[in-house]
Amino acid sequence: MPKRVCPFDFDFFPQQKIHVSEKEVNSGVLMKNHMKQPVVINTCQSCRQPVDNSPDKCSFCDKMVCGLCGSSCMKCCEVYCRCCSLPDFSSTEESCICIGCA
């Protein structure tokens, strides 16, 4: 059975979307540019808390550490994370020694 002919004399334009949001542009036309930009999130890699302005890096493994998780070695005075430093119980003060100096 053949299709029916349009009873109107003029053609209707298909409905077109007029407003395109930024989300649709980023996920469509600008997706390649958007995917090239790295997402930088400064978080402490020991406690996963956000780190402020200039985070310290562990001198041994280069992980970002916050002021609470980073400790300085009592011998070489470099900053180390919890995995790369050991607590030193030889004195009454709380101190750490890195695995390189241990």
PDB file of N, CA and C in Angstrom:
ATOM      1  N   MET A   1       0.840  -1.163   0.000  1.00  0.00           N
ATOM      2  CA  MET A   1       0.000   0.000   0.000  1.00  0.00           C
ATOM      3  C   MET A   1       0.898   1.243   0.000  1.00  0.00           C
ATOM      4  N   PRO A   2       0.683   2.207  -0.864  1.00  0.00           N
ATOM      5  CA  PRO A   2       1.528   3.401  -0.943  1.00  0.00           C
ATOM      6  C   PRO A   2       1.253   4.350   0.213  1.00  0.00           C
ATOM      7  N   LYS A   3       2.250   5.208   0.480  1.00  0.00           N
ATOM      8  CA  LYS A   3       2.105   6.202   1.542  1.00  0.00           C
ATOM      9  C   LYS A   3       1.111   7.272   1.132  1.00  0.00           C
ATOM     10  N   ARG A   4       0.452   7.840   2.151  1.00  0.00           N
ATOM     11  CA  ARG A   4      -0.488   8.916   1.858  1.00  0.00           C
ATOM     12  C   ARG A   4       0.248  10.201   1.558  1.00  0.00           C
ATOM     13  N   VAL A   5      -0.282  11.025   0.736  1.00  0.00           N
ATOM     14  CA  VAL A   5       0.270  12.313   0.385  1.00  0.00           C
ATOM     15  C   VAL A   5      -0.091  13.311   1.473  1.00  0.00           C
ATOM     16  N   CYS A   6       0.846  14.252   1.744  1.00  0.00           N
ATOM     17  CA  CYS A   6       0.600  15.275   2.754  1.00  0.00           C
ATOM     18  C   CYS A   6      -0.556  16.167   2.284  1.00  0.00           C
ATOM     19  N   PRO A   7      -1.587  16.344   3.110  1.00  0.00           N
ATOM     20  CA  PRO A   7      -2.736  17.134   2.680  1.00  0.00           C
ATOM     21  C   PRO A   7      -2.479  18.638   2.687  1.00  0.00           C
ATOM     22  N   PHE A   8      -1.368  19.094   3.253  1.00  0.00           N
ATOM     23  CA  PHE A   8      -1.096  20.523   3.335  1.00  0.00           C
ATOM     24  C   PHE A   8      -0.241  20.944   2.152  1.00  0.00           C
ATOM     25  N   ASP A   9      -0.395  22.196   1.755  1.00  0.00           N
ATOM     26  CA  ASP A   9       0.341  22.707   0.614  1.00  0.00           C
ATOM     27  C   ASP A   9       1.784  23.068   0.953  1.00  0.00           C
ATOM     28  N   PHE A  10       2.067  23.417   2.167  1.00  0.00           N
ATOM     29  CA  PHE A  10       3.425  23.835   2.536  1.00  0.00           C
ATOM     30  C   PHE A  10       4.071  22.758   3.403  1.00  0.00           C
ATOM     31  N   ASP A  11       5.393  22.746   3.391  1.00  0.00           N
ATOM     32  CA  ASP A  11       6.143  21.767   4.190  1.00  0.00           C
ATOM     33  C   ASP A  11       6.372  22.313   5.589  1.00  0.00           C
ATOM     34  N   PHE A  12       6.283  21.438   6.554  1.00  0.00           N
ATOM     35  CA  PHE A  12       6.603  21.818   7.927  1.00  0.00           C
ATOM     36  C   PHE A  12       8.091  21.595   8.155  1.00  0.00           C
ATOM     37  N   PHE A  13       8.745  22.575   8.776  1.00  0.00           N
ATOM     38  CA  PHE A  13      10.142  22.396   9.133  1.00  0.00           C
ATOM     39  C   PHE A  13      10.208  21.460  10.325  1.00  0.00           C
ATOM     40  N   PRO A  14      11.167  20.578  10.341  1.00  0.00           N
ATOM     41  CA  PRO A  14      11.277  19.714  11.525  1.00  0.00           C
ATOM     42  C   PRO A  14      11.639  20.552  12.751  1.00  0.00           C
ATOM     43  N   GLN A  15      11.180  20.106  13.877  1.00  0.00           N
ATOM     44  CA  GLN A  15      11.467  20.857  15.094  1.00  0.00           C
ATOM     45  C   GLN A  15      12.969  20.852  15.336  1.00  0.00           C
ATOM     46  N   GLN A  16      13.521  22.018  15.597  1.00  0.00           N
ATOM     47  CA  GLN A  16      14.944  22.143  15.832  1.00  0.00           C
ATOM     48  C   GLN A  16      15.180  22.658  17.243  1.00  0.00           C
ATOM     49  N   LYS A  17      16.232  22.156  17.837  1.00  0.00           N
ATOM     50  CA  LYS A  17      16.586  22.605  19.177  1.00  0.00           C
ATOM     51  C   LYS A  17      17.251  23.964  19.061  1.00  0.00           C
ATOM     52  N   ILE A  18      16.756  24.937  19.808  1.00  0.00           N
ATOM     53  CA  ILE A  18      17.274  26.294  19.708  1.00  0.00           C
ATOM     54  C   ILE A  18      18.374  26.529  20.739  1.00  0.00           C
ATOM     55  N   HIS A  19      18.183  26.086  21.982  1.00  0.00           N
ATOM     56  CA  HIS A  19      19.156  26.322  23.043  1.00  0.00           C
ATOM     57  C   HIS A  19      20.015  25.066  23.233  1.00  0.00           C
ATOM     58  N   VAL A  20      21.332  25.244  23.181  1.00  0.00           N
ATOM     59  CA  VAL A  20      22.259  24.152  23.427  1.00  0.00           C
ATOM     60  C   VAL A  20      23.052  24.509  24.673  1.00  0.00           C
ATOM     61  N   SER A  21      22.984  23.661  25.687  1.00  0.00           N
ATOM     62  CA  SER A  21      23.664  23.960  26.940  1.00  0.00           C
ATOM     63  C   SER A  21      25.157  23.647  26.835  1.00  0.00           C
ATOM     64  N   GLU A  22      25.907  24.140  27.800  1.00  0.00           N
ATOM     65  CA  GLU A  22      27.364  23.918  27.820  1.00  0.00           C
ATOM     66  C   GLU A  22      27.688  22.435  27.963  1.00  0.00           C
ATOM     67  N   LYS A  23      26.872  21.716  28.717  1.00  0.00           N
ATOM     68  CA  LYS A  23      27.094  20.283  28.896  1.00  0.00           C
ATOM     69  C   LYS A  23      26.976  19.543  27.567  1.00  0.00           C
ATOM     70  N   GLU A  24      25.990  19.909  26.770  1.00  0.00           N
ATOM     71  CA  GLU A  24      25.811  19.250  25.481  1.00  0.00           C
ATOM     72  C   GLU A  24      26.932  19.599  24.504  1.00  0.00           C
ATOM     73  N   VAL A  25      27.438  20.832  24.580  1.00  0.00           N
ATOM     74  CA  VAL A  25      28.561  21.219  23.720  1.00  0.00           C
ATOM     75  C   VAL A  25      29.815  20.447  24.118  1.00  0.00           C
ATOM     76  N   ASN A  26      30.077  20.349  25.431  1.00  0.00           N
ATOM     77  CA  ASN A  26      31.260  19.623  25.900  1.00  0.00           C
ATOM     78  C   ASN A  26      31.201  18.142  25.577  1.00  0.00           C
ATOM     79  N   SER A  27      30.026  17.555  25.611  1.00  0.00           N
ATOM     80  CA  SER A  27      29.917  16.126  25.329  1.00  0.00           C
ATOM     81  C   SER A  27      29.765  15.838  23.838  1.00  0.00           C
ATOM     82  N   GLY A  28      29.581  16.859  23.027  1.00  0.00           N
ATOM     83  CA  GLY A  28      29.419  16.648  21.596  1.00  0.00           C
ATOM     84  C   GLY A  28      30.551  17.230  20.790  1.00  0.00           C
ATOM     85  N   VAL A  29      30.411  18.466  20.388  1.00  0.00           N
ATOM     86  CA  VAL A  29      31.353  19.116  19.483  1.00  0.00           C
ATOM     87  C   VAL A  29      32.735  19.276  20.113  1.00  0.00           C
ATOM     88  N   LEU A  30      32.797  19.699  21.370  1.00  0.00           N
ATOM     89  CA  LEU A  30      34.079  19.973  22.018  1.00  0.00           C
ATOM     90  C   LEU A  30      34.579  18.810  22.876  1.00  0.00           C
ATOM     91  N   MET A  31      34.084  17.610  22.622  1.00  0.00           N
ATOM     92  CA  MET A  31      34.458  16.479  23.459  1.00  0.00           C
ATOM     93  C   MET A  31      35.958  16.182  23.374  1.00  0.00           C
ATOM     94  N   LYS A  32      36.549  16.256  22.184  1.00  0.00           N
ATOM     95  CA  LYS A  32      37.973  15.957  22.048  1.00  0.00           C
ATOM     96  C   LYS A  32      38.819  16.978  22.801  1.00  0.00           C
ATOM     97  N   ASN A  33      38.468  18.256  22.710  1.00  0.00           N
ATOM     98  CA  ASN A  33      39.207  19.286  23.443  1.00  0.00           C
ATOM     99  C   ASN A  33      39.022  19.131  24.944  1.00  0.00           C
ATOM    100  N   HIS A  34      37.831  18.777  25.357  1.00  0.00           N
ATOM    101  CA  HIS A  34      37.530  18.627  26.778  1.00  0.00           C
ATOM    102  C   HIS A  34      38.266  17.426  27.371  1.00  0.00           C
ATOM    103  N   MET A  35      38.402  16.357  26.604  1.00  0.00           N
ATOM    104  CA  MET A  35      39.063  15.159  27.097  1.00  0.00           C
ATOM    105  C   MET A  35      40.580  15.324  27.174  1.00  0.00           C
ATOM    106  N   LYS A  36      41.154  16.278  26.434  1.00  0.00           N
ATOM    107  CA  LYS A  36      42.590  16.502  26.459  1.00  0.00           C
ATOM    108  C   LYS A  36      43.040  17.202  27.733  1.00  0.00           C
ATOM    109  N   GLN A  37      42.158  17.971  28.359  1.00  0.00           N
ATOM    110  CA  GLN A  37      42.516  18.726  29.545  1.00  0.00           C
ATOM    111  C   GLN A  37      42.549  17.804  30.758  1.00  0.00           C
ATOM    112  N   PRO A  38      43.682  17.735  31.462  1.00  0.00           N
ATOM    113  CA  PRO A  38      43.751  16.870  32.640  1.00  0.00           C
ATOM    114  C   PRO A  38      42.992  17.491  33.808  1.00  0.00           C
ATOM    115  N   VAL A  39      42.422  16.654  34.615  1.00  0.00           N
ATOM    116  CA  VAL A  39      41.723  17.104  35.810  1.00  0.00           C
ATOM    117  C   VAL A  39      42.715  17.036  36.961  1.00  0.00           C
ATOM    118  N   VAL A  40      42.983  18.179  37.576  1.00  0.00           N
ATOM    119  CA  VAL A  40      43.968  18.243  38.660  1.00  0.00           C
ATOM    120  C   VAL A  40      43.218  18.332  39.977  1.00  0.00           C
ATOM    121  N   ILE A  41      43.399  17.315  40.777  1.00  0.00           N
ATOM    122  CA  ILE A  41      42.794  17.300  42.108  1.00  0.00           C
ATOM    123  C   ILE A  41      43.923  17.073  43.096  1.00  0.00           C
ATOM    124  N   ASN A  42      44.171  18.051  43.931  1.00  0.00           N
ATOM    125  CA  ASN A  42      45.222  17.924  44.932  1.00  0.00           C
ATOM    126  C   ASN A  42      44.646  17.311  46.191  1.00  0.00           C
ATOM    127  N   THR A  43      44.905  16.022  46.372  1.00  0.00           N
ATOM    128  CA  THR A  43      44.478  15.331  47.581  1.00  0.00           C
ATOM    129  C   THR A  43      45.667  14.603  48.177  1.00  0.00           C
ATOM    130  N   CYS A  44      45.657  14.498  49.480  1.00  0.00           N
ATOM    131  CA  CYS A  44      46.695  13.737  50.170  1.00  0.00           C
ATOM    132  C   CYS A  44      46.509  12.274  49.812  1.00  0.00           C
ATOM    133  N   GLN A  45      47.566  11.618  49.416  1.00  0.00           N
ATOM    134  CA  GLN A  45      47.436  10.226  48.993  1.00  0.00           C
ATOM    135  C   GLN A  45      47.496   9.256  50.153  1.00  0.00           C
ATOM    136  N   SER A  46      47.646   9.771  51.379  1.00  0.00           N
ATOM    137  CA  SER A  46      47.580   8.910  52.559  1.00  0.00           C
ATOM    138  C   SER A  46      46.184   8.923  53.171  1.00  0.00           C
ATOM    139  N   CYS A  47      45.642  10.138  53.385  1.00  0.00           N
ATOM    140  CA  CYS A  47      44.325  10.236  54.040  1.00  0.00           C
ATOM    141  C   CYS A  47      43.209  10.656  53.087  1.00  0.00           C
ATOM    142  N   ARG A  48      43.528  10.956  51.827  1.00  0.00           N
ATOM    143  CA  ARG A  48      42.576  11.333  50.780  1.00  0.00           C
ATOM    144  C   ARG A  48      41.825  12.631  51.056  1.00  0.00           C
ATOM    145  N   GLN A  49      42.360  13.485  51.916  1.00  0.00           N
ATOM    146  CA  GLN A  49      41.757  14.784  52.190  1.00  0.00           C
ATOM    147  C   GLN A  49      42.282  15.802  51.182  1.00  0.00           C
ATOM    148  N   PRO A  50      41.479  16.810  50.818  1.00  0.00           N
ATOM    149  CA  PRO A  50      41.977  17.842  49.906  1.00  0.00           C
ATOM    150  C   PRO A  50      43.157  18.588  50.519  1.00  0.00           C
ATOM    151  N   VAL A  51      44.144  18.873  49.680  1.00  0.00           N
ATOM    152  CA  VAL A  51      45.344  19.565  50.130  1.00  0.00           C
ATOM    153  C   VAL A  51      45.273  21.004  49.652  1.00  0.00           C
ATOM    154  N   ASP A  52      45.632  21.933  50.529  1.00  0.00           N
ATOM    155  CA  ASP A  52      45.593  23.354  50.197  1.00  0.00           C
ATOM    156  C   ASP A  52      46.714  23.734  49.240  1.00  0.00           C
ATOM    157  N   ASN A  53      47.008  24.976  49.180  1.00  0.00           N
ATOM    158  CA  ASN A  53      47.892  25.620  48.209  1.00  0.00           C
ATOM    159  C   ASN A  53      49.054  24.776  47.702  1.00  0.00           C
ATOM    160  N   SER A  54      50.068  24.553  48.498  1.00  0.00           N
ATOM    161  CA  SER A  54      51.248  23.841  48.023  1.00  0.00           C
ATOM    162  C   SER A  54      51.450  22.573  48.841  1.00  0.00           C
ATOM    163  N   PRO A  55      51.033  21.427  48.306  1.00  0.00           N
ATOM    164  CA  PRO A  55      51.194  20.187  49.050  1.00  0.00           C
ATOM    165  C   PRO A  55      52.658  19.741  49.051  1.00  0.00           C
ATOM    166  N   ASP A  56      53.046  19.047  50.109  1.00  0.00           N
ATOM    167  CA  ASP A  56      54.380  18.466  50.174  1.00  0.00           C
ATOM    168  C   ASP A  56      54.378  17.154  49.396  1.00  0.00           C
ATOM    169  N   LYS A  57      55.526  16.788  48.885  1.00  0.00           N
ATOM    170  CA  LYS A  57      55.676  15.503  48.215  1.00  0.00           C
ATOM    171  C   LYS A  57      56.655  14.662  49.004  1.00  0.00           C
ATOM    172  N   CYS A  58      56.371  13.382  49.073  1.00  0.00           N
ATOM    173  CA  CYS A  58      57.285  12.458  49.723  1.00  0.00           C
ATOM    174  C   CYS A  58      58.584  12.435  48.919  1.00  0.00           C
ATOM    175  N   SER A  59      59.700  12.562  49.603  1.00  0.00           N
ATOM    176  CA  SER A  59      60.991  12.600  48.922  1.00  0.00           C
ATOM    177  C   SER A  59      61.395  11.243  48.375  1.00  0.00           C
ATOM    178  N   PHE A  60      60.740  10.178  48.816  1.00  0.00           N
ATOM    179  CA  PHE A  60      61.087   8.833  48.358  1.00  0.00           C
ATOM    180  C   PHE A  60      60.195   8.363  47.208  1.00  0.00           C
ATOM    181  N   CYS A  61      58.864   8.493  47.376  1.00  0.00           N
ATOM    182  CA  CYS A  61      57.938   7.947  46.367  1.00  0.00           C
ATOM    183  C   CYS A  61      57.182   9.018  45.586  1.00  0.00           C
ATOM    184  N   ASP A  62      57.378  10.304  45.884  1.00  0.00           N
ATOM    185  CA  ASP A  62      56.754  11.437  45.196  1.00  0.00           C
ATOM    186  C   ASP A  62      55.234  11.494  45.318  1.00  0.00           C
ATOM    187  N   LYS A  63      54.665  10.900  46.338  1.00  0.00           N
ATOM    188  CA  LYS A  63      53.232  11.032  46.590  1.00  0.00           C
ATOM    189  C   LYS A  63      52.968  12.352  47.298  1.00  0.00           C
ATOM    190  N   MET A  64      51.800  12.972  47.005  1.00  0.00           N
ATOM    191  CA  MET A  64      51.417  14.197  47.692  1.00  0.00           C
ATOM    192  C   MET A  64      50.930  13.856  49.091  1.00  0.00           C
ATOM    193  N   VAL A  65      51.407  14.607  50.077  1.00  0.00           N
ATOM    194  CA  VAL A  65      50.988  14.398  51.459  1.00  0.00           C
ATOM    195  C   VAL A  65      50.614  15.739  52.084  1.00  0.00           C
ATOM    196  N   CYS A  66      49.648  15.692  52.976  1.00  0.00           N
ATOM    197  CA  CYS A  66      49.242  16.902  53.690  1.00  0.00           C
ATOM    198  C   CYS A  66      50.167  17.115  54.883  1.00  0.00           C
ATOM    199  N   GLY A  67      49.965  18.199  55.590  1.00  0.00           N
ATOM    200  CA  GLY A  67      50.803  18.510  56.738  1.00  0.00           C
ATOM    201  C   GLY A  67      50.656  17.517  57.875  1.00  0.00           C
ATOM    202  N   LEU A  68      49.505  16.857  57.980  1.00  0.00           N
ATOM    203  CA  LEU A  68      49.300  15.880  59.057  1.00  0.00           C
ATOM    204  C   LEU A  68      49.939  14.535  58.744  1.00  0.00           C
ATOM    205  N   CYS A  69      49.935  14.142  57.486  1.00  0.00           N
ATOM    206  CA  CYS A  69      50.458  12.826  57.105  1.00  0.00           C
ATOM    207  C   CYS A  69      51.952  12.843  56.795  1.00  0.00           C
ATOM    208  N   GLY A  70      52.468  13.983  56.400  1.00  0.00           N
ATOM    209  CA  GLY A  70      53.889  14.074  56.088  1.00  0.00           C
ATOM    210  C   GLY A  70      54.702  14.263  57.349  1.00  0.00           C
ATOM    211  N   SER A  71      55.832  13.590  57.431  1.00  0.00           N
ATOM    212  CA  SER A  71      56.721  13.753  58.579  1.00  0.00           C
ATOM    213  C   SER A  71      58.143  13.903  58.060  1.00  0.00           C
ATOM    214  N   SER A  72      58.943  14.688  58.771  1.00  0.00           N
ATOM    215  CA  SER A  72      60.315  14.902  58.319  1.00  0.00           C
ATOM    216  C   SER A  72      61.249  13.951  59.055  1.00  0.00           C
ATOM    217  N   CYS A  73      62.199  13.453  58.305  1.00  0.00           N
ATOM    218  CA  CYS A  73      63.189  12.532  58.851  1.00  0.00           C
ATOM    219  C   CYS A  73      64.101  13.299  59.798  1.00  0.00           C
ATOM    220  N   MET A  74      64.422  12.701  60.946  1.00  0.00           N
ATOM    221  CA  MET A  74      65.256  13.408  61.916  1.00  0.00           C
ATOM    222  C   MET A  74      66.720  13.431  61.491  1.00  0.00           C
ATOM    223  N   LYS A  75      67.102  12.611  60.505  1.00  0.00           N
ATOM    224  CA  LYS A  75      68.499  12.615  60.051  1.00  0.00           C
ATOM    225  C   LYS A  75      68.698  13.505  58.820  1.00  0.00           C
ATOM    226  N   CYS A  76      67.907  13.297  57.773  1.00  0.00           N
ATOM    227  CA  CYS A  76      68.118  14.061  56.534  1.00  0.00           C
ATOM    228  C   CYS A  76      67.170  15.255  56.397  1.00  0.00           C
ATOM    229  N   CYS A  77      66.166  15.376  57.270  1.00  0.00           N
ATOM    230  CA  CYS A  77      65.218  16.493  57.323  1.00  0.00           C
ATOM    231  C   CYS A  77      64.366  16.645  56.064  1.00  0.00           C
ATOM    232  N   GLU A  78      64.191  15.593  55.290  1.00  0.00           N
ATOM    233  CA  GLU A  78      63.303  15.607  54.127  1.00  0.00           C
ATOM    234  C   GLU A  78      61.916  15.143  54.560  1.00  0.00           C
ATOM    235  N   VAL A  79      60.882  15.489  53.779  1.00  0.00           N
ATOM    236  CA  VAL A  79      59.500  15.112  54.082  1.00  0.00           C
ATOM    237  C   VAL A  79      59.208  13.743  53.463  1.00  0.00           C
ATOM    238  N   TYR A  80      58.575  12.871  54.260  1.00  0.00           N
ATOM    239  CA  TYR A  80      58.236  11.528  53.808  1.00  0.00           C
ATOM    240  C   TYR A  80      56.807  11.188  54.205  1.00  0.00           C
ATOM    241  N   CYS A  81      56.173  10.299  53.432  1.00  0.00           N
ATOM    242  CA  CYS A  81      54.811   9.845  53.767  1.00  0.00           C
ATOM    243  C   CYS A  81      54.894   8.747  54.822  1.00  0.00           C
ATOM    244  N   ARG A  82      53.745   8.261  55.246  1.00  0.00           N
ATOM    245  CA  ARG A  82      53.697   7.241  56.294  1.00  0.00           C
ATOM    246  C   ARG A  82      54.286   5.907  55.835  1.00  0.00           C
ATOM    247  N   CYS A  83      54.186   5.623  54.542  1.00  0.00           N
ATOM    248  CA  CYS A  83      54.704   4.355  54.027  1.00  0.00           C
ATOM    249  C   CYS A  83      56.226   4.361  53.914  1.00  0.00           C
ATOM    250  N   CYS A  84      56.814   5.529  53.748  1.00  0.00           N
ATOM    251  CA  CYS A  84      58.265   5.628  53.526  1.00  0.00           C
ATOM    252  C   CYS A  84      59.019   6.098  54.759  1.00  0.00           C
ATOM    253  N   SER A  85      58.355   6.174  55.886  1.00  0.00           N
ATOM    254  CA  SER A  85      59.029   6.580  57.118  1.00  0.00           C
ATOM    255  C   SER A  85      58.634   5.630  58.247  1.00  0.00           C
ATOM    256  N   LEU A  86      59.520   5.545  59.222  1.00  0.00           N
ATOM    257  CA  LEU A  86      59.299   4.673  60.376  1.00  0.00           C
ATOM    258  C   LEU A  86      59.322   5.511  61.636  1.00  0.00           C
ATOM    259  N   PRO A  87      58.447   5.220  62.607  1.00  0.00           N
ATOM    260  CA  PRO A  87      58.498   5.977  63.867  1.00  0.00           C
ATOM    261  C   PRO A  87      59.771   5.618  64.644  1.00  0.00           C
ATOM    262  N   ASP A  88      60.351   6.623  65.273  1.00  0.00           N
ATOM    263  CA  ASP A  88      61.564   6.419  66.065  1.00  0.00           C
ATOM    264  C   ASP A  88      61.194   6.553  67.537  1.00  0.00           C
ATOM    265  N   PHE A  89      61.348   5.467  68.284  1.00  0.00           N
ATOM    266  CA  PHE A  89      60.956   5.443  69.693  1.00  0.00           C
ATOM    267  C   PHE A  89      62.142   5.630  70.634  1.00  0.00           C
ATOM    268  N   SER A  90      63.304   6.050  70.097  1.00  0.00           N
ATOM    269  CA  SER A  90      64.485   6.189  70.946  1.00  0.00           C
ATOM    270  C   SER A  90      64.435   7.437  71.826  1.00  0.00           C
ATOM    271  N   SER A  91      63.615   8.409  71.485  1.00  0.00           N
ATOM    272  CA  SER A  91      63.516   9.630  72.294  1.00  0.00           C
ATOM    273  C   SER A  91      62.078   9.821  72.771  1.00  0.00           C
ATOM    274  N   THR A  92      61.887  10.773  73.652  1.00  0.00           N
ATOM    275  CA  THR A  92      60.546  11.021  74.189  1.00  0.00           C
ATOM    276  C   THR A  92      59.691  11.812  73.212  1.00  0.00           C
ATOM    277  N   GLU A  93      60.328  12.565  72.292  1.00  0.00           N
ATOM    278  CA  GLU A  93      59.578  13.309  71.288  1.00  0.00           C
ATOM    279  C   GLU A  93      59.134  12.400  70.152  1.00  0.00           C
ATOM    280  N   GLU A  94      58.046  12.790  69.521  1.00  0.00           N
ATOM    281  CA  GLU A  94      57.554  12.028  68.364  1.00  0.00           C
ATOM    282  C   GLU A  94      58.434  12.370  67.156  1.00  0.00           C
ATOM    283  N   SER A  95      59.157  11.402  66.654  1.00  0.00           N
ATOM    284  CA  SER A  95      60.031  11.646  65.524  1.00  0.00           C
ATOM    285  C   SER A  95      59.999  10.446  64.581  1.00  0.00           C
ATOM    286  N   CYS A  96      60.413  10.689  63.338  1.00  0.00           N
ATOM    287  CA  CYS A  96      60.426   9.643  62.329  1.00  0.00           C
ATOM    288  C   CYS A  96      61.773   9.590  61.649  1.00  0.00           C
ATOM    289  N   ILE A  97      62.024   8.461  61.038  1.00  0.00           N
ATOM    290  CA  ILE A  97      63.237   8.283  60.254  1.00  0.00           C
ATOM    291  C   ILE A  97      62.825   7.632  58.947  1.00  0.00           C
ATOM    292  N   CYS A  98      63.407   8.089  57.837  1.00  0.00           N
ATOM    293  CA  CYS A  98      63.006   7.566  56.530  1.00  0.00           C
ATOM    294  C   CYS A  98      63.633   6.183  56.328  1.00  0.00           C
ATOM    295  N   ILE A  99      63.110   5.463  55.340  1.00  0.00           N
ATOM    296  CA  ILE A  99      63.626   4.116  55.099  1.00  0.00           C
ATOM    297  C   ILE A  99      65.015   4.157  54.469  1.00  0.00           C
ATOM    298  N   GLY A 100      65.388   5.300  53.902  1.00  0.00           N
ATOM    299  CA  GLY A 100      66.743   5.434  53.379  1.00  0.00           C
ATOM    300  C   GLY A 100      67.786   5.602  54.457  1.00  0.00           C
ATOM    301  N   CYS A 101      67.426   6.283  55.549  1.00  0.00           N
ATOM    302  CA  CYS A 101      68.361   6.518  56.650  1.00  0.00           C
ATOM    303  C   CYS A 101      68.314   5.415  57.706  1.00  0.00           C
ATOM    304  N   ALA A 102      67.301   4.581  57.658  1.00  0.00           N
ATOM    305  CA  ALA A 102      67.139   3.539  58.695  1.00  0.00           C
ATOM    306  C   ALA A 102      68.176   2.446  58.572  1.00  0.00           C
TER     307      ALA A 102
END
